[in-house]
Amino acid sequence: MTIALGGSCEEFAGLDWRVEGREIIIDVTTITKVPTAPVPCTLAIIYEDQSVNIGDKYETGAEYDVIVNGERHGTFIGAPTATPVPPTATPIIAR
């Protein structure tokens, strides 16, 4: 997944995921660091790629929604090895 960071002082902090029914819920978190030296933070959007391994133990033929930070970002159909449906190209805005 592509994460959109809000500037040079914001960093990816981690993610947690869980399965609730037919939803894979992923929570992405970031932190904003305060510079230790008098250096300004840029306010440019910075994109960062992160991967998430959600395993492959899903009901064959069942459709699952992928929810990231409260928004639906894609689906996949459960199979012996899950077959993903390509997600939208919209970056995930971390919280």
PDB file of N, CA and C in Angstrom:
ATOM      1  N   MET A   1       0.831  -1.158   0.000  1.00  0.00           N
ATOM      2  CA  MET A   1       0.000   0.000   0.000  1.00  0.00           C
ATOM      3  C   MET A   1       0.881   1.227   0.000  1.00  0.00           C
ATOM      4  N   THR A   2       0.364   2.304  -0.530  1.00  0.00           N
ATOM      5  CA  THR A   2       1.086   3.570  -0.547  1.00  0.00           C
ATOM      6  C   THR A   2       0.497   4.485   0.518  1.00  0.00           C
ATOM      7  N   ILE A   3       1.353   4.981   1.369  1.00  0.00           N
ATOM      8  CA  ILE A   3       0.937   5.860   2.458  1.00  0.00           C
ATOM      9  C   ILE A   3       1.357   7.287   2.107  1.00  0.00           C
ATOM     10  N   ALA A   4       0.456   8.233   2.313  1.00  0.00           N
ATOM     11  CA  ALA A   4       0.770   9.644   2.071  1.00  0.00           C
ATOM     12  C   ALA A   4       1.089  10.310   3.409  1.00  0.00           C
ATOM     13  N   LEU A   5       2.336  10.714   3.562  1.00  0.00           N
ATOM     14  CA  LEU A   5       2.757  11.417   4.775  1.00  0.00           C
ATOM     15  C   LEU A   5       2.625  12.909   4.545  1.00  0.00           C
ATOM     16  N   GLY A   6       2.335  13.657   5.603  1.00  0.00           N
ATOM     17  CA  GLY A   6       2.037  15.078   5.481  1.00  0.00           C
ATOM     18  C   GLY A   6       3.222  16.017   5.440  1.00  0.00           C
ATOM     19  N   GLY A   7       4.432  15.514   5.454  1.00  0.00           N
ATOM     20  CA  GLY A   7       5.596  16.394   5.392  1.00  0.00           C
ATOM     21  C   GLY A   7       6.842  15.692   5.887  1.00  0.00           C
ATOM     22  N   SER A   8       7.942  16.430   5.909  1.00  0.00           N
ATOM     23  CA  SER A   8       9.234  15.829   6.250  1.00  0.00           C
ATOM     24  C   SER A   8       9.366  15.434   7.721  1.00  0.00           C
ATOM     25  N   CYS A   9       8.514  15.942   8.585  1.00  0.00           N
ATOM     26  CA  CYS A   9       8.593  15.596  10.011  1.00  0.00           C
ATOM     27  C   CYS A   9       7.644  14.459  10.395  1.00  0.00           C
ATOM     28  N   GLU A  10       6.844  13.983   9.453  1.00  0.00           N
ATOM     29  CA  GLU A  10       5.925  12.876   9.734  1.00  0.00           C
ATOM     30  C   GLU A  10       6.546  11.577   9.251  1.00  0.00           C
ATOM     31  N   GLU A  11       6.471  10.527  10.084  1.00  0.00           N
ATOM     32  CA  GLU A  11       7.055   9.236   9.751  1.00  0.00           C
ATOM     33  C   GLU A  11       6.050   8.120   9.970  1.00  0.00           C
ATOM     34  N   PHE A  12       6.164   7.069   9.186  1.00  0.00           N
ATOM     35  CA  PHE A  12       5.381   5.852   9.375  1.00  0.00           C
ATOM     36  C   PHE A  12       5.766   5.252  10.718  1.00  0.00           C
ATOM     37  N   ALA A  13       4.758   4.929  11.557  1.00  0.00           N
ATOM     38  CA  ALA A  13       5.024   4.378  12.884  1.00  0.00           C
ATOM     39  C   ALA A  13       4.678   2.902  12.989  1.00  0.00           C
ATOM     40  N   GLY A  14       3.820   2.421  12.118  1.00  0.00           N
ATOM     41  CA  GLY A  14       3.456   1.015  12.171  1.00  0.00           C
ATOM     42  C   GLY A  14       2.040   0.787  11.726  1.00  0.00           C
ATOM     43  N   LEU A  15       1.653  -0.491  11.751  1.00  0.00           N
ATOM     44  CA  LEU A  15       0.281  -0.831  11.401  1.00  0.00           C
ATOM     45  C   LEU A  15      -0.137  -2.077  12.145  1.00  0.00           C
ATOM     46  N   ASP A  16      -1.429  -2.183  12.349  1.00  0.00           N
ATOM     47  CA  ASP A  16      -2.050  -3.358  12.952  1.00  0.00           C
ATOM     48  C   ASP A  16      -3.158  -3.796  12.022  1.00  0.00           C
ATOM     49  N   TRP A  17      -3.432  -5.095  11.992  1.00  0.00           N
ATOM     50  CA  TRP A  17      -4.545  -5.566  11.177  1.00  0.00           C
ATOM     51  C   TRP A  17      -5.266  -6.685  11.909  1.00  0.00           C
ATOM     52  N   ARG A  18      -6.527  -6.840  11.547  1.00  0.00           N
ATOM     53  CA  ARG A  18      -7.360  -7.880  12.150  1.00  0.00           C
ATOM     54  C   ARG A  18      -8.467  -8.237  11.169  1.00  0.00           C
ATOM     55  N   VAL A  19      -9.055  -9.394  11.365  1.00  0.00           N
ATOM     56  CA  VAL A  19     -10.184  -9.833  10.557  1.00  0.00           C
ATOM     57  C   VAL A  19     -11.432  -9.760  11.424  1.00  0.00           C
ATOM     58  N   GLU A  20     -12.460  -9.065  10.924  1.00  0.00           N
ATOM     59  CA  GLU A  20     -13.760  -9.002  11.596  1.00  0.00           C
ATOM     60  C   GLU A  20     -14.807  -9.411  10.576  1.00  0.00           C
ATOM     61  N   GLY A  21     -15.290 -10.636  10.690  1.00  0.00           N
ATOM     62  CA  GLY A  21     -16.269 -11.139   9.730  1.00  0.00           C
ATOM     63  C   GLY A  21     -15.648 -11.221   8.346  1.00  0.00           C
ATOM     64  N   ARG A  22     -16.188 -10.450   7.411  1.00  0.00           N
ATOM     65  CA  ARG A  22     -15.676 -10.426   6.034  1.00  0.00           C
ATOM     66  C   ARG A  22     -14.933  -9.128   5.745  1.00  0.00           C
ATOM     67  N   GLU A  23     -14.379  -8.540   6.777  1.00  0.00           N
ATOM     68  CA  GLU A  23     -13.585  -7.326   6.615  1.00  0.00           C
ATOM     69  C   GLU A  23     -12.177  -7.544   7.166  1.00  0.00           C
ATOM     70  N   ILE A  24     -11.195  -7.098   6.395  1.00  0.00           N
ATOM     71  CA  ILE A  24      -9.817  -7.052   6.863  1.00  0.00           C
ATOM     72  C   ILE A  24      -9.588  -5.593   7.238  1.00  0.00           C
ATOM     73  N   ILE A  25      -9.370  -5.325   8.512  1.00  0.00           N
ATOM     74  CA  ILE A  25      -9.246  -3.952   8.996  1.00  0.00           C
ATOM     75  C   ILE A  25      -7.777  -3.675   9.290  1.00  0.00           C
ATOM     76  N   ILE A  26      -7.255  -2.648   8.615  1.00  0.00           N
ATOM     77  CA  ILE A  26      -5.859  -2.264   8.773  1.00  0.00           C
ATOM     78  C   ILE A  26      -5.818  -0.845   9.328  1.00  0.00           C
ATOM     79  N   ASP A  27      -5.097  -0.671  10.426  1.00  0.00           N
ATOM     80  CA  ASP A  27      -4.927   0.647  11.032  1.00  0.00           C
ATOM     81  C   ASP A  27      -3.467   1.068  10.855  1.00  0.00           C
ATOM     82  N   VAL A  28      -3.256   2.143  10.107  1.00  0.00           N
ATOM     83  CA  VAL A  28      -1.920   2.677   9.854  1.00  0.00           C
ATOM     84  C   VAL A  28      -1.726   3.888  10.756  1.00  0.00           C
ATOM     85  N   THR A  29      -0.575   3.945  11.428  1.00  0.00           N
ATOM     86  CA  THR A  29      -0.297   5.095  12.289  1.00  0.00           C
ATOM     87  C   THR A  29       1.023   5.754  11.886  1.00  0.00           C
ATOM     88  N   THR A  30       1.080   7.043  12.144  1.00  0.00           N
ATOM     89  CA  THR A  30       2.292   7.822  11.889  1.00  0.00           C
ATOM     90  C   THR A  30       2.599   8.637  13.139  1.00  0.00           C
ATOM     91  N   ILE A  31       3.800   9.164  13.180  1.00  0.00           N
ATOM     92  CA  ILE A  31       4.179  10.076  14.255  1.00  0.00           C
ATOM     93  C   ILE A  31       4.757  11.338  13.621  1.00  0.00           C
ATOM     94  N   THR A  32       4.602  12.434  14.309  1.00  0.00           N
ATOM     95  CA  THR A  32       5.211  13.685  13.870  1.00  0.00           C
ATOM     96  C   THR A  32       6.336  13.995  14.842  1.00  0.00           C
ATOM     97  N   LYS A  33       7.529  14.064  14.285  1.00  0.00           N
ATOM     98  CA  LYS A  33       8.706  14.341  15.115  1.00  0.00           C
ATOM     99  C   LYS A  33       8.991  15.832  15.134  1.00  0.00           C
ATOM    100  N   VAL A  34       9.337  16.330  16.291  1.00  0.00           N
ATOM    101  CA  VAL A  34       9.735  17.729  16.440  1.00  0.00           C
ATOM    102  C   VAL A  34      11.246  17.774  16.225  1.00  0.00           C
ATOM    103  N   PRO A  35      11.709  18.578  15.278  1.00  0.00           N
ATOM    104  CA  PRO A  35      13.154  18.638  15.033  1.00  0.00           C
ATOM    105  C   PRO A  35      13.920  19.080  16.271  1.00  0.00           C
ATOM    106  N   THR A  36      15.095  18.490  16.477  1.00  0.00           N
ATOM    107  CA  THR A  36      15.935  18.876  17.621  1.00  0.00           C
ATOM    108  C   THR A  36      16.777  20.109  17.299  1.00  0.00           C
ATOM    109  N   ALA A  37      16.963  20.382  16.028  1.00  0.00           N
ATOM    110  CA  ALA A  37      17.696  21.581  15.593  1.00  0.00           C
ATOM    111  C   ALA A  37      16.701  22.522  14.921  1.00  0.00           C
ATOM    112  N   PRO A  38      17.065  23.767  14.767  1.00  0.00           N
ATOM    113  CA  PRO A  38      16.136  24.710  14.116  1.00  0.00           C
ATOM    114  C   PRO A  38      16.063  24.449  12.595  1.00  0.00           C
ATOM    115  N   VAL A  39      15.380  23.345  12.257  1.00  0.00           N
ATOM    116  CA  VAL A  39      15.210  22.952  10.859  1.00  0.00           C
ATOM    117  C   VAL A  39      13.708  22.933  10.571  1.00  0.00           C
ATOM    118  N   PRO A  40      13.270  23.599   9.535  1.00  0.00           N
ATOM    119  CA  PRO A  40      11.835  23.612   9.258  1.00  0.00           C
ATOM    120  C   PRO A  40      11.352  22.269   8.702  1.00  0.00           C
ATOM    121  N   CYS A  41      10.105  21.962   8.979  1.00  0.00           N
ATOM    122  CA  CYS A  41       9.470  20.786   8.389  1.00  0.00           C
ATOM    123  C   CYS A  41       8.828  21.221   7.075  1.00  0.00           C
ATOM    124  N   THR A  42       9.034  20.448   6.030  1.00  0.00           N
ATOM    125  CA  THR A  42       8.367  20.770   4.769  1.00  0.00           C
ATOM    126  C   THR A  42       6.928  20.305   4.842  1.00  0.00           C
ATOM    127  N   LEU A  43       6.049  20.961   4.126  1.00  0.00           N
ATOM    128  CA  LEU A  43       4.639  20.591   4.108  1.00  0.00           C
ATOM    129  C   LEU A  43       4.267  19.885   2.809  1.00  0.00           C
ATOM    130  N   ALA A  44       5.211  19.217   2.190  1.00  0.00           N
ATOM    131  CA  ALA A  44       4.960  18.485   0.956  1.00  0.00           C
ATOM    132  C   ALA A  44       4.428  17.094   1.279  1.00  0.00           C
ATOM    133  N   ILE A  45       3.571  16.566   0.409  1.00  0.00           N
ATOM    134  CA  ILE A  45       3.095  15.192   0.572  1.00  0.00           C
ATOM    135  C   ILE A  45       4.224  14.252   0.159  1.00  0.00           C
ATOM    136  N   ILE A  46       4.536  13.312   1.018  1.00  0.00           N
ATOM    137  CA  ILE A  46       5.586  12.332   0.762  1.00  0.00           C
ATOM    138  C   ILE A  46       4.929  10.952   0.716  1.00  0.00           C
ATOM    139  N   TYR A  47       5.185  10.209  -0.344  1.00  0.00           N
ATOM    140  CA  TYR A  47       4.593   8.876  -0.505  1.00  0.00           C
ATOM    141  C   TYR A  47       5.590   7.815  -0.081  1.00  0.00           C
ATOM    142  N   GLU A  48       5.081   6.824   0.654  1.00  0.00           N
ATOM    143  CA  GLU A  48       5.920   5.731   1.137  1.00  0.00           C
ATOM    144  C   GLU A  48       5.167   4.423   0.939  1.00  0.00           C
ATOM    145  N   ASP A  49       5.831   3.422   0.403  1.00  0.00           N
ATOM    146  CA  ASP A  49       5.209   2.110   0.196  1.00  0.00           C
ATOM    147  C   ASP A  49       5.465   1.210   1.397  1.00  0.00           C
ATOM    148  N   GLN A  50       4.416   0.532   1.847  1.00  0.00           N
ATOM    149  CA  GLN A  50       4.498  -0.444   2.930  1.00  0.00           C
ATOM    150  C   GLN A  50       3.736  -1.689   2.486  1.00  0.00           C
ATOM    151  N   SER A  51       4.204  -2.848   2.879  1.00  0.00           N
ATOM    152  CA  SER A  51       3.479  -4.076   2.538  1.00  0.00           C
ATOM    153  C   SER A  51       2.856  -4.671   3.799  1.00  0.00           C
ATOM    154  N   VAL A  52       1.735  -5.370   3.596  1.00  0.00           N
ATOM    155  CA  VAL A  52       1.007  -5.990   4.698  1.00  0.00           C
ATOM    156  C   VAL A  52       0.724  -7.430   4.306  1.00  0.00           C
ATOM    157  N   ASN A  53       1.186  -8.376   5.093  1.00  0.00           N
ATOM    158  CA  ASN A  53       0.887  -9.782   4.845  1.00  0.00           C
ATOM    159  C   ASN A  53      -0.307 -10.167   5.712  1.00  0.00           C
ATOM    160  N   ILE A  54      -1.454 -10.357   5.083  1.00  0.00           N
ATOM    161  CA  ILE A  54      -2.671 -10.690   5.829  1.00  0.00           C
ATOM    162  C   ILE A  54      -2.965 -12.191   5.791  1.00  0.00           C
ATOM    163  N   GLY A  55      -1.987 -12.980   5.366  1.00  0.00           N
ATOM    164  CA  GLY A  55      -2.163 -14.429   5.353  1.00  0.00           C
ATOM    165  C   GLY A  55      -3.041 -14.901   4.210  1.00  0.00           C
ATOM    166  N   ASP A  56      -3.429 -16.180   4.256  1.00  0.00           N
ATOM    167  CA  ASP A  56      -4.229 -16.748   3.170  1.00  0.00           C
ATOM    168  C   ASP A  56      -5.314 -17.691   3.673  1.00  0.00           C
ATOM    169  N   LYS A  57      -5.697 -17.585   4.914  1.00  0.00           N
ATOM    170  CA  LYS A  57      -6.708 -18.477   5.483  1.00  0.00           C
ATOM    171  C   LYS A  57      -8.088 -17.825   5.452  1.00  0.00           C
ATOM    172  N   TYR A  58      -8.671 -17.785   4.253  1.00  0.00           N
ATOM    173  CA  TYR A  58      -9.978 -17.161   4.058  1.00  0.00           C
ATOM    174  C   TYR A  58     -10.918 -18.146   3.381  1.00  0.00           C
ATOM    175  N   GLU A  59     -12.200 -17.987   3.643  1.00  0.00           N
ATOM    176  CA  GLU A  59     -13.214 -18.886   3.094  1.00  0.00           C
ATOM    177  C   GLU A  59     -13.225 -18.816   1.567  1.00  0.00           C
ATOM    178  N   THR A  60     -13.083 -19.961   0.928  1.00  0.00           N
ATOM    179  CA  THR A  60     -13.061 -20.026  -0.528  1.00  0.00           C
ATOM    180  C   THR A  60     -14.367 -19.478  -1.099  1.00  0.00           C
ATOM    181  N   GLY A  61     -14.248 -18.560  -2.053  1.00  0.00           N
ATOM    182  CA  GLY A  61     -15.414 -17.977  -2.723  1.00  0.00           C
ATOM    183  C   GLY A  61     -16.045 -16.801  -2.013  1.00  0.00           C
ATOM    184  N   ALA A  62     -15.632 -16.528  -0.778  1.00  0.00           N
ATOM    185  CA  ALA A  62     -16.214 -15.411  -0.026  1.00  0.00           C
ATOM    186  C   ALA A  62     -15.482 -14.118  -0.391  1.00  0.00           C
ATOM    187  N   GLU A  63     -16.242 -13.018  -0.472  1.00  0.00           N
ATOM    188  CA  GLU A  63     -15.654 -11.718  -0.779  1.00  0.00           C
ATOM    189  C   GLU A  63     -15.333 -10.984   0.520  1.00  0.00           C
ATOM    190  N   TYR A  64     -14.140 -10.437   0.595  1.00  0.00           N
ATOM    191  CA  TYR A  64     -13.672  -9.710   1.766  1.00  0.00           C
ATOM    192  C   TYR A  64     -13.364  -8.272   1.381  1.00  0.00           C
ATOM    193  N   ASP A  65     -13.754  -7.330   2.225  1.00  0.00           N
ATOM    194  CA  ASP A  65     -13.425  -5.916   2.028  1.00  0.00           C
ATOM    195  C   ASP A  65     -12.160  -5.602   2.807  1.00  0.00           C
ATOM    196  N   VAL A  66     -11.327  -4.746   2.238  1.00  0.00           N
ATOM    197  CA  VAL A  66     -10.123  -4.283   2.917  1.00  0.00           C
ATOM    198  C   VAL A  66     -10.381  -2.841   3.352  1.00  0.00           C
ATOM    199  N   ILE A  67     -10.406  -2.627   4.664  1.00  0.00           N
ATOM    200  CA  ILE A  67     -10.702  -1.329   5.252  1.00  0.00           C
ATOM    201  C   ILE A  67      -9.398  -0.790   5.855  1.00  0.00           C
ATOM    202  N   VAL A  68      -8.969   0.373   5.386  1.00  0.00           N
ATOM    203  CA  VAL A  68      -7.739   0.984   5.902  1.00  0.00           C
ATOM    204  C   VAL A  68      -8.097   2.327   6.521  1.00  0.00           C
ATOM    205  N   ASN A  69      -7.790   2.469   7.804  1.00  0.00           N
ATOM    206  CA  ASN A  69      -8.099   3.689   8.554  1.00  0.00           C
ATOM    207  C   ASN A  69      -9.554   4.122   8.350  1.00  0.00           C
ATOM    208  N   GLY A  70     -10.443   3.144   8.378  1.00  0.00           N
ATOM    209  CA  GLY A  70     -11.872   3.431   8.317  1.00  0.00           C
ATOM    210  C   GLY A  70     -12.466   3.564   6.927  1.00  0.00           C
ATOM    211  N   GLU A  71     -11.662   3.449   5.864  1.00  0.00           N
ATOM    212  CA  GLU A  71     -12.168   3.586   4.495  1.00  0.00           C
ATOM    213  C   GLU A  71     -11.909   2.318   3.694  1.00  0.00           C
ATOM    214  N   ARG A  72     -12.898   1.926   2.887  1.00  0.00           N
ATOM    215  CA  ARG A  72     -12.757   0.744   2.029  1.00  0.00           C
ATOM    216  C   ARG A  72     -11.791   1.059   0.892  1.00  0.00           C
ATOM    217  N   HIS A  73     -10.763   0.189   0.736  1.00  0.00           N
ATOM    218  CA  HIS A  73      -9.751   0.414  -0.291  1.00  0.00           C
ATOM    219  C   HIS A  73      -9.639  -0.738  -1.268  1.00  0.00           C
ATOM    220  N   GLY A  74     -10.469  -1.752  -1.167  1.00  0.00           N
ATOM    221  CA  GLY A  74     -10.404  -2.864  -2.108  1.00  0.00           C
ATOM    222  C   GLY A  74     -11.124  -4.077  -1.567  1.00  0.00           C
ATOM    223  N   THR A  75     -11.163  -5.102  -2.401  1.00  0.00           N
ATOM    224  CA  THR A  75     -11.769  -6.367  -2.021  1.00  0.00           C
ATOM    225  C   THR A  75     -10.906  -7.502  -2.559  1.00  0.00           C
ATOM    226  N   PHE A  76     -11.157  -8.695  -2.056  1.00  0.00           N
ATOM    227  CA  PHE A  76     -10.580  -9.892  -2.660  1.00  0.00           C
ATOM    228  C   PHE A  76     -11.514 -11.062  -2.390  1.00  0.00           C
ATOM    229  N   ILE A  77     -11.350 -12.114  -3.181  1.00  0.00           N
ATOM    230  CA  ILE A  77     -12.160 -13.324  -3.062  1.00  0.00           C
ATOM    231  C   ILE A  77     -11.298 -14.384  -2.398  1.00  0.00           C
ATOM    232  N   GLY A  78     -11.816 -14.981  -1.318  1.00  0.00           N
ATOM    233  CA  GLY A  78     -11.088 -16.034  -0.624  1.00  0.00           C
ATOM    234  C   GLY A  78     -10.916 -17.245  -1.537  1.00  0.00           C
ATOM    235  N   ALA A  79      -9.734 -17.808  -1.523  1.00  0.00           N
ATOM    236  CA  ALA A  79      -9.387 -18.977  -2.322  1.00  0.00           C
ATOM    237  C   ALA A  79      -8.293 -19.725  -1.580  1.00  0.00           C
ATOM    238  N   PRO A  80      -7.937 -20.939  -2.041  1.00  0.00           N
ATOM    239  CA  PRO A  80      -6.829 -21.622  -1.365  1.00  0.00           C
ATOM    240  C   PRO A  80      -5.604 -20.703  -1.219  1.00  0.00           C
ATOM    241  N   THR A  81      -5.352 -19.863  -2.220  1.00  0.00           N
ATOM    242  CA  THR A  81      -4.432 -18.741  -2.083  1.00  0.00           C
ATOM    243  C   THR A  81      -5.229 -17.548  -2.569  1.00  0.00           C
ATOM    244  N   ALA A  82      -5.452 -16.588  -1.708  1.00  0.00           N
ATOM    245  CA  ALA A  82      -6.362 -15.468  -1.988  1.00  0.00           C
ATOM    246  C   ALA A  82      -6.012 -14.773  -3.298  1.00  0.00           C
ATOM    247  N   THR A  83      -7.058 -14.422  -4.083  1.00  0.00           N
ATOM    248  CA  THR A  83      -6.896 -13.728  -5.352  1.00  0.00           C
ATOM    249  C   THR A  83      -7.323 -12.281  -5.167  1.00  0.00           C
ATOM    250  N   PRO A  84      -6.364 -11.354  -5.076  1.00  0.00           N
ATOM    251  CA  PRO A  84      -6.748  -9.962  -4.834  1.00  0.00           C
ATOM    252  C   PRO A  84      -7.339  -9.294  -6.057  1.00  0.00           C
ATOM    253  N   VAL A  85      -8.268  -8.400  -5.809  1.00  0.00           N
ATOM    254  CA  VAL A  85      -8.788  -7.513  -6.844  1.00  0.00           C
ATOM    255  C   VAL A  85      -7.959  -6.247  -6.733  1.00  0.00           C
ATOM    256  N   PRO A  86      -7.403  -5.742  -7.842  1.00  0.00           N
ATOM    257  CA  PRO A  86      -6.543  -4.567  -7.729  1.00  0.00           C
ATOM    258  C   PRO A  86      -7.251  -3.413  -7.022  1.00  0.00           C
ATOM    259  N   PRO A  87      -6.597  -2.836  -5.992  1.00  0.00           N
ATOM    260  CA  PRO A  87      -7.195  -1.706  -5.280  1.00  0.00           C
ATOM    261  C   PRO A  87      -7.104  -0.440  -6.105  1.00  0.00           C
ATOM    262  N   THR A  88      -7.774   0.581  -5.648  1.00  0.00           N
ATOM    263  CA  THR A  88      -7.671   1.876  -6.308  1.00  0.00           C
ATOM    264  C   THR A  88      -6.266   2.414  -6.100  1.00  0.00           C
ATOM    265  N   ALA A  89      -5.868   3.335  -6.937  1.00  0.00           N
ATOM    266  CA  ALA A  89      -4.528   3.900  -6.839  1.00  0.00           C
ATOM    267  C   ALA A  89      -4.472   5.043  -5.832  1.00  0.00           C
ATOM    268  N   THR A  90      -5.529   5.256  -5.093  1.00  0.00           N
ATOM    269  CA  THR A  90      -5.576   6.342  -4.116  1.00  0.00           C
ATOM    270  C   THR A  90      -4.661   6.034  -2.937  1.00  0.00           C
ATOM    271  N   PRO A  91      -3.706   6.907  -2.639  1.00  0.00           N
ATOM    272  CA  PRO A  91      -2.857   6.688  -1.467  1.00  0.00           C
ATOM    273  C   PRO A  91      -3.671   6.739  -0.183  1.00  0.00           C
ATOM    274  N   ILE A  92      -3.193   6.039   0.810  1.00  0.00           N
ATOM    275  CA  ILE A  92      -3.848   6.019   2.115  1.00  0.00           C
ATOM    276  C   ILE A  92      -3.299   7.171   2.940  1.00  0.00           C
ATOM    277  N   ILE A  93      -4.190   7.997   3.443  1.00  0.00           N
ATOM    278  CA  ILE A  93      -3.772   9.100   4.312  1.00  0.00           C
ATOM    279  C   ILE A  93      -3.683   8.527   5.725  1.00  0.00           C
ATOM    280  N   ALA A  94      -2.495   8.481   6.255  1.00  0.00           N
ATOM    281  CA  ALA A  94      -2.290   7.912   7.587  1.00  0.00           C
ATOM    282  C   ALA A  94      -2.811   8.876   8.646  1.00  0.00           C
ATOM    283  N   ARG A  95      -3.091   8.314   9.813  1.00  0.00           N
ATOM    284  CA  ARG A  95      -3.559   9.125  10.942  1.00  0.00           C
ATOM    285  C   ARG A  95      -2.538   9.115  12.039  1.00  0.00           C
TER     286      ARG A  95
END
